């Protein structure tokens, strides 16, 4: 399965900790991330990450294209609800693409953990048939 990771600046440490805690699951899958998040996760958790550009430099658009072409099976986008700048529309766009293409999406730690455990149990294997 292909898992995408994105985190707003205030959630990057949380993403690192999530990936450290669940590296035993993430190591079994292909991990994609926007530039800075990918670099931080790779260093902190010791997992291989395919990195897009940094989010503000086009990484979120690269992720969106990957979702559109059914190349991503799960998105964890740890969002900061107080985050307000010119990139907020990209967040909404990623959520919308996930909805349109039936890609499970987590925007907070609780949902991210639930989806990672479901991924480990094989509950998301239906994505292979969906492709």
Protein backbone atom coordinates (compact mmCIF):
# COMPACT_ATOMS: atom_id res chain seq x y z
CA UNK A 1 0.00 0.00 0.00
CA UNK A 2 1.05 3.59 -0.63
CA UNK A 3 0.72 5.86 2.41
CA UNK A 4 1.08 9.64 2.17
CA UNK A 5 2.15 11.83 5.08
CA UNK A 6 1.69 15.59 5.36
CA UNK A 7 1.82 17.80 8.46
CA UNK A 8 1.37 21.48 9.11
CA UNK A 9 4.40 23.06 10.80
CA UNK A 10 2.88 22.86 14.30
CA UNK A 11 2.15 19.15 13.81
CA UNK A 12 5.50 17.95 12.43
CA UNK A 13 6.79 16.71 15.81
CA UNK A 14 3.50 14.85 16.30
CA UNK A 15 3.96 13.25 12.87
CA UNK A 16 7.51 12.22 13.79
CA UNK A 17 6.27 10.63 17.02
CA UNK A 18 3.41 8.87 15.21
CA UNK A 19 5.84 7.40 12.70
CA UNK A 20 8.26 6.30 15.40
CA UNK A 21 5.43 4.56 17.28
CA UNK A 22 4.06 2.85 14.16
CA UNK A 23 7.26 2.29 12.16
CA UNK A 24 6.67 -1.47 12.42
CA UNK A 25 3.55 -0.95 10.29
CA UNK A 26 4.88 1.81 8.03
CA UNK A 27 8.00 -0.23 7.13
CA UNK A 28 5.75 -2.73 5.34
CA UNK A 29 4.42 -0.08 2.93
CA UNK A 30 5.56 2.60 0.51
CA UNK A 31 5.66 5.95 2.27
CA UNK A 32 5.30 9.27 0.45
CA UNK A 33 5.53 12.70 2.04
CA UNK A 34 5.95 16.34 1.28
CA UNK A 35 9.59 17.43 1.48
CA UNK A 36 10.14 18.68 5.01
CA UNK A 37 7.76 16.20 6.62
CA UNK A 38 9.39 13.35 4.70
CA UNK A 39 12.89 14.36 5.71
CA UNK A 40 11.91 14.70 9.38
CA UNK A 41 10.08 11.36 9.44
CA UNK A 42 12.89 9.56 7.65
CA UNK A 43 15.44 10.83 10.16
CA UNK A 44 13.29 10.33 13.26
CA UNK A 45 11.71 6.95 12.49
CA UNK A 46 14.38 5.44 10.27
CA UNK A 47 11.96 4.54 7.49
CA UNK A 48 12.39 5.12 3.78
CA UNK A 49 10.24 7.96 2.46
CA UNK A 50 9.65 8.95 -1.16
CA UNK A 51 9.68 12.72 -0.93
CA UNK A 52 7.68 15.20 -3.00
CA UNK A 53 8.70 18.85 -3.11
CA UNK A 54 8.03 20.89 0.01
CA UNK A 55 4.30 21.51 0.39
CA UNK A 56 4.50 25.23 -0.34
CA UNK A 57 6.72 24.58 -3.37
CA UNK A 58 4.31 22.20 -5.08
CA UNK A 59 4.49 19.06 -2.95
CA UNK A 60 0.79 19.16 -2.12
CA UNK A 61 -0.02 19.43 -5.83
CA UNK A 62 2.23 16.43 -6.52
CA UNK A 63 0.38 14.50 -3.83
CA UNK A 64 -2.95 15.58 -5.30
CA UNK A 65 -1.92 14.27 -8.72
CA UNK A 66 -0.78 10.97 -7.16
CA UNK A 67 -4.18 10.63 -5.44
CA UNK A 68 -6.03 11.46 -8.66
CA UNK A 69 -4.24 8.66 -10.52
CA UNK A 70 -4.97 6.13 -7.73
CA UNK A 71 -1.36 6.04 -6.61
CA UNK A 72 -2.11 6.67 -2.93
CA UNK A 73 -4.12 4.34 -0.68
CA UNK A 74 -4.11 6.26 2.60
CA UNK A 75 -3.43 9.89 3.53
CA UNK A 76 -2.44 11.12 6.97
CA UNK A 77 -2.51 14.92 6.93
CA UNK A 78 -2.03 16.16 10.48
CA UNK A 79 -3.75 19.53 10.31
CA UNK A 80 -3.43 22.43 12.68
CA UNK A 81 -6.95 23.90 12.94
CA UNK A 82 -5.46 27.31 13.80
CA UNK A 83 -3.25 27.25 10.67
CA UNK A 84 -4.26 30.12 8.40
CA UNK A 85 -2.29 31.17 5.36
CA UNK A 86 -2.36 30.97 1.60
CA UNK A 87 -1.97 27.18 1.57
CA UNK A 88 -5.23 26.32 3.36
CA UNK A 89 -7.04 25.71 0.03
CA UNK A 90 -4.50 22.94 -0.66
CA UNK A 91 -5.62 21.19 2.54
CA UNK A 92 -9.25 21.32 1.45
CA UNK A 93 -8.27 20.17 -2.02
CA UNK A 94 -6.41 17.10 -0.69
CA UNK A 95 -9.42 16.17 1.48
CA UNK A 96 -11.72 16.61 -1.50
CA UNK A 97 -9.54 14.45 -3.75
CA UNK A 98 -9.50 11.73 -1.08
CA UNK A 99 -13.28 11.88 -0.90
CA UNK A 100 -13.63 11.76 -4.69
CA UNK A 101 -11.27 8.80 -5.07
CA UNK A 102 -12.26 6.83 -1.94
CA UNK A 103 -8.90 7.25 -0.24
CA UNK A 104 -9.04 6.98 3.57
CA UNK A 105 -7.99 10.31 5.11
CA UNK A 106 -6.90 11.16 8.65
CA UNK A 107 -6.50 14.75 9.81
CA UNK A 108 -5.77 14.10 13.48
CA UNK A 109 -3.83 11.68 15.66
CA UNK A 110 -6.81 9.58 16.75
CA UNK A 111 -7.95 8.88 13.19
CA UNK A 112 -4.37 8.35 12.01
CA UNK A 113 -3.80 5.67 14.64
CA UNK A 114 -7.10 3.96 13.79
CA UNK A 115 -6.25 3.88 10.08
CA UNK A 116 -2.71 2.62 10.68
CA UNK A 117 -4.06 -0.23 12.81
CA UNK A 118 -6.67 -1.00 10.13
CA UNK A 119 -3.89 -1.00 7.53
CA UNK A 120 -1.92 -3.49 9.60
CA UNK A 121 -4.95 -5.80 10.00
CA UNK A 122 -5.55 -5.76 6.24
CA UNK A 123 -8.81 -3.83 6.50
CA UNK A 124 -7.72 -1.56 3.65
CA UNK A 125 -6.87 -4.35 1.20
CA UNK A 126 -10.05 -3.44 -0.70
CA UNK A 127 -8.00 -0.57 -2.16
CA UNK A 128 -6.09 -3.11 -4.29
CA UNK A 129 -9.34 -4.29 -5.89
CA UNK A 130 -10.52 -0.68 -6.26
CA UNK A 131 -7.49 0.15 -8.38
